[in-house]
């Protein structure tokens, strides 16, 4: 084997070893460093946003119902959302 091949294989091996050691020593996962999220985090965030959206829609409907009641001077019957036993 000639000297060039030895230097090239040694260089590639050294770079590989350095990158492997750097990866082992860094805390966290690779997705944290590039700003990605896991599937579980995405699903939790979506669920939280859906709950917030539902609450906002209910508040908006209640406000609309109140404005209508004030305008017409009468209260509209509210839908029963609680279970009666």
Foldseek 3Di string as FASTA:
>chain_A
DDPVVVVVVVVVVVVVVVVVVVQVPDDDDPCVVVVHDDPVVVVVVVVVVVVVVVVVVVVVVVVVQVVVCVVVVHHDDDDDPDDDD
